[in-house]
Protein backbone atom coordinates (compact mmCIF):
# COMPACT_ATOMS: atom_id res chain seq x y z
CA MET A 1 58.25 79.05 88.99
CA GLY A 2 55.83 80.96 90.78
CA THR A 3 51.98 79.91 90.70
CA ILE A 4 49.17 82.43 90.62
CA LYS A 5 46.23 81.15 93.01
CA LYS A 6 43.68 83.88 92.47
CA GLY A 7 43.91 85.34 89.03
CA ILE A 8 46.23 87.90 87.91
CA LEU A 9 45.48 90.36 90.67
CA GLY A 10 45.85 87.80 93.39
CA GLY A 11 48.83 86.49 95.42
CA PHE A 12 51.42 84.11 93.90
CA SER A 13 53.64 81.46 95.57
CA GLY A 14 57.02 80.56 94.33
CA LYS A 15 59.74 82.48 92.48
CA VAL A 16 59.61 84.76 89.77
CA GLY A 17 62.84 86.42 88.75
CA THR A 18 64.40 87.80 91.85
CA VAL A 19 61.02 87.96 93.81
CA VAL A 20 59.49 85.17 95.93
CA GLY A 21 55.69 84.96 96.61
CA ALA A 22 54.36 83.57 99.71
CA SER A 23 51.61 84.00 102.39
CA TRP A 24 51.45 84.21 106.25
CA LYS A 25 48.08 83.73 108.12
CA GLY A 26 46.50 84.07 104.94
CA ILE A 27 48.09 87.34 103.89
CA ALA A 28 49.87 87.22 100.46
CA TYR A 29 53.40 88.89 100.31
CA MET A 30 56.34 89.14 98.23
CA ARG A 31 60.09 89.57 99.25
CA GLY A 32 63.19 89.93 97.22
CA GLN A 33 65.29 86.68 96.70
CA ALA A 34 68.12 86.29 99.59
CA GLN A 35 71.50 87.36 97.98
CA SER A 36 74.17 84.73 98.54
CA ILE A 37 77.14 86.71 100.27
CA LYS A 38 80.52 85.36 99.37
CA ASN A 39 83.07 87.48 101.17
CA PRO A 40 85.21 84.81 103.04
CA ARG A 41 87.43 86.29 105.76
CA THR A 42 89.59 83.25 106.58
CA ARG A 43 93.11 84.22 108.02
CA ASP A 44 94.76 83.11 104.63
CA GLN A 45 92.42 85.07 102.59
CA VAL A 46 92.67 88.15 104.62
CA ALA A 47 96.39 87.99 104.14
CA GLN A 48 96.25 87.60 100.59
CA ARG A 49 94.04 90.76 100.19
CA GLU A 50 96.41 92.83 102.30
CA LYS A 51 99.37 91.56 100.20
CA LEU A 52 97.62 92.35 96.84
CA LYS A 53 96.50 95.85 98.01
CA PHE A 54 100.07 96.75 99.18
CA THR A 55 101.79 95.40 96.17
CA VAL A 56 99.54 97.37 93.78
CA ALA A 57 99.86 100.58 95.69
CA PHE A 58 103.66 100.20 95.99
CA LEU A 59 104.19 99.43 92.36
CA LYS A 60 102.02 102.25 91.03
CA ARG A 61 104.82 104.85 91.54
CA PHE A 62 106.94 102.65 89.22
CA ALA A 63 104.06 102.40 86.84
CA PRO A 64 105.90 104.49 84.13
CA PHE A 65 109.03 102.20 83.95
CA ILE A 66 106.81 99.02 84.27
CA ALA A 67 104.74 100.01 81.23
CA LEU A 68 108.00 100.23 79.10
CA GLY A 69 109.06 96.82 80.13
CA THR A 70 108.99 93.21 78.73
CA TRP A 71 107.24 91.53 81.54
CA SER A 72 105.96 88.01 80.72
CA GLY A 73 102.41 86.69 81.65
CA LYS A 74 98.85 87.31 80.77
CA GLY A 75 97.33 90.76 81.13
CA SER A 76 98.93 94.08 81.30
CA ASN A 77 102.69 94.85 82.20
CA MET A 78 101.38 96.07 85.74
CA ASN A 79 99.42 92.91 86.27
CA ALA A 80 102.64 90.84 85.66
CA ALA A 81 104.77 93.02 87.80
CA VAL A 82 102.29 92.46 90.67
CA ALA A 83 102.18 88.91 90.21
CA CYS A 84 105.89 88.73 90.20
CA ASN A 85 106.55 90.45 93.31
CA LEU A 86 103.45 88.62 95.21
CA LYS A 87 105.17 85.34 94.38
CA ASN A 88 108.73 86.19 94.94
CA ALA A 89 109.06 89.37 97.17
CA VAL A 90 105.90 90.27 99.31
CA GLY A 91 104.75 88.03 102.26
CA PHE A 92 102.54 88.40 105.15
CA SER A 93 103.63 87.81 108.88
CA ASP A 94 102.10 88.43 112.50
CA GLY A 95 99.33 90.47 110.60
CA ALA A 96 101.70 92.77 108.62
CA VAL A 97 103.02 92.90 105.01
CA VAL A 98 106.71 91.85 104.89
CA ILE A 99 109.05 92.35 102.03
CA ASP A 100 112.13 90.62 100.90
CA PHE A 101 113.99 93.49 99.57
CA SER A 102 116.55 91.29 97.78
CA LYS A 103 114.02 89.86 95.56
CA LEU A 104 111.79 93.04 94.75
CA THR A 105 111.47 93.66 90.84
CA LEU A 106 110.80 97.15 90.06
CA SER A 107 111.40 96.96 86.33
CA ARG A 108 111.90 94.52 83.56
CA GLY A 109 113.21 95.46 79.98
CA ARG A 110 115.55 94.96 77.05
CA LEU A 111 118.42 97.48 78.07
CA ALA A 112 121.53 95.96 79.65
CA LYS A 113 121.03 95.90 83.27
CA ALA A 114 123.83 97.14 85.99
CA ILE A 115 126.55 94.90 86.82
CA ALA A 116 127.99 94.38 90.26
CA ALA A 117 125.87 96.95 91.82
CA SER A 118 126.42 97.93 95.38
CA CYS A 119 125.68 100.72 97.95
CA LEU A 120 127.29 102.51 100.81
CA ASP A 121 127.08 105.33 103.07
CA ASP A 122 130.21 107.47 101.92
CA SER A 123 130.59 110.13 104.86
CA GLY A 124 126.83 110.66 105.02
CA ASP A 125 126.32 110.41 101.28
CA LYS A 126 124.15 107.54 100.44
CA THR A 127 125.80 106.15 97.19
CA ILE A 128 124.86 103.51 94.70
CA ARG A 129 127.72 102.03 92.44
CA TRP A 130 127.93 99.80 89.46
CA GLU A 131 130.06 98.73 86.60
CA CYS A 132 129.35 100.22 83.13
CA ALA A 133 130.00 97.19 81.08
CA GLY A 134 127.19 96.96 78.25
CA GLY A 135 124.51 99.23 77.20
CA GLY A 136 124.47 102.73 76.09
CA SER A 137 126.74 105.30 77.87
CA TYR A 138 124.05 107.90 78.09
CA ASP A 139 121.16 105.70 79.35
CA LEU A 140 119.54 107.46 82.07
CA ALA A 141 120.36 105.99 85.47
CA ILE A 142 117.39 105.64 87.98
CA GLY A 143 118.19 105.03 91.64
CA VAL A 144 115.39 103.72 93.99
CA ALA A 145 115.63 103.63 97.72
CA VAL A 146 113.15 101.95 99.83
CA ASN A 147 112.69 102.97 103.68
CA THR A 148 112.72 99.39 105.13
CA ALA A 149 111.13 100.96 108.26
CA THR A 150 107.92 102.53 106.69
CA ASN A 151 108.14 100.91 103.13
CA GLU A 152 108.42 104.29 101.47
CA ALA A 153 109.98 104.43 98.29
CA TYR A 154 112.12 107.34 96.88
CA ILE A 155 112.87 107.45 93.10
CA GLN A 156 115.67 109.48 91.83
CA LYS A 157 116.27 110.52 88.09
CA SER A 158 117.80 113.45 86.31
CA GLU A 159 119.53 114.21 83.09
CA ASP A 160 122.81 114.39 85.26
CA ASP A 161 122.39 110.70 86.30
CA ILE A 162 123.64 108.40 83.37
CA ARG A 163 125.07 104.85 83.19
CA ASP A 164 128.37 105.99 82.31
CA ASN A 165 128.84 107.85 85.65
CA ALA A 166 128.94 104.40 87.46
CA GLU A 167 127.52 105.72 90.72
CA MET A 168 124.85 108.02 92.11
CA ILE A 169 124.56 109.80 95.30
CA LEU A 170 120.98 109.64 96.44
CA ASN A 171 119.23 112.96 97.80
CA LEU A 172 117.14 111.07 100.31
CA PRO A 173 114.03 112.89 102.23
CA ASN A 174 115.53 114.36 105.44
CA SER A 175 112.46 112.80 107.06
CA TRP A 176 114.03 109.25 106.69
CA GLY A 177 116.73 110.19 109.05
CA ALA A 178 119.12 107.18 109.81
CA ALA A 179 116.60 104.44 108.74
CA PRO A 180 117.81 101.63 106.81
CA VAL A 181 117.29 101.65 103.11
CA ALA A 182 117.21 99.03 100.32
CA CYS A 183 118.82 100.41 97.06
CA TYR A 184 118.11 99.67 93.61
CA ILE A 185 119.56 100.65 90.10
CA MET A 186 117.94 100.52 86.53
CA PHE A 187 118.36 102.41 83.24
CA GLN A 188 116.15 104.05 80.81
CA SER A 189 117.04 104.82 77.24
CA ALA A 190 117.96 108.29 76.32
CA ASP A 191 114.73 108.34 74.12
CA LEU A 192 112.68 107.13 77.06
CA THR A 193 111.32 104.20 75.24
CA SER A 194 112.78 101.25 77.12
CA VAL A 195 114.19 100.23 80.41
CA SER A 196 116.36 97.64 82.04
CA ASP A 197 115.86 95.07 84.59
CA SER A 198 115.92 96.60 88.02
CA VAL A 199 119.06 95.32 90.18
CA TYR A 200 119.13 95.22 94.02
CA ALA A 201 122.35 96.92 95.27
CA GLY A 202 121.86 96.17 99.07
CA VAL A 203 120.82 97.88 102.14
CA ILE A 204 122.56 101.15 103.82
CA GLY A 205 122.21 101.06 107.61
CA GLY A 206 120.52 98.91 110.21
């Protein structure tokens, strides 16, 4: 508590709210209270921040599918998706974010997921294949490729790509060249209200 020494117009000592009163060589002055800075920069904390920043940015492009899912946990589906991938798939090594592509989860939902998913380079065509058991024949098939060199993601979805086709040829960006790509397949209902779990199909190239 501050103390006024010379009446209401005089100087004061001590703290009043966020103002501190003091004197120096008989001169009264006031200063703002020093703020406590809590911005720890240990190696582990920096790594965690980088992982979180990357994971949020990476998953934003899958937001429409994540929003339709059945993720468990507190908060939004996006928060749950971020937490899931931070725990299982995204790491930090030698100053850089690293991904275990086999453990990425891009969607989670009620629809039947792909069975026996695989991918291959068929005479230059990057192809994802799966078995059709379970689910609606006309569920939309959504193919995902992640450039393992740059972590860029490509999403392919059209009315021609459906579960019953049992395969999808990916029209990858030309700029990717021969870079290895991690492939995933998931499904969305024809009425666009629900999704399946994403399934890792493997890596093409590399």
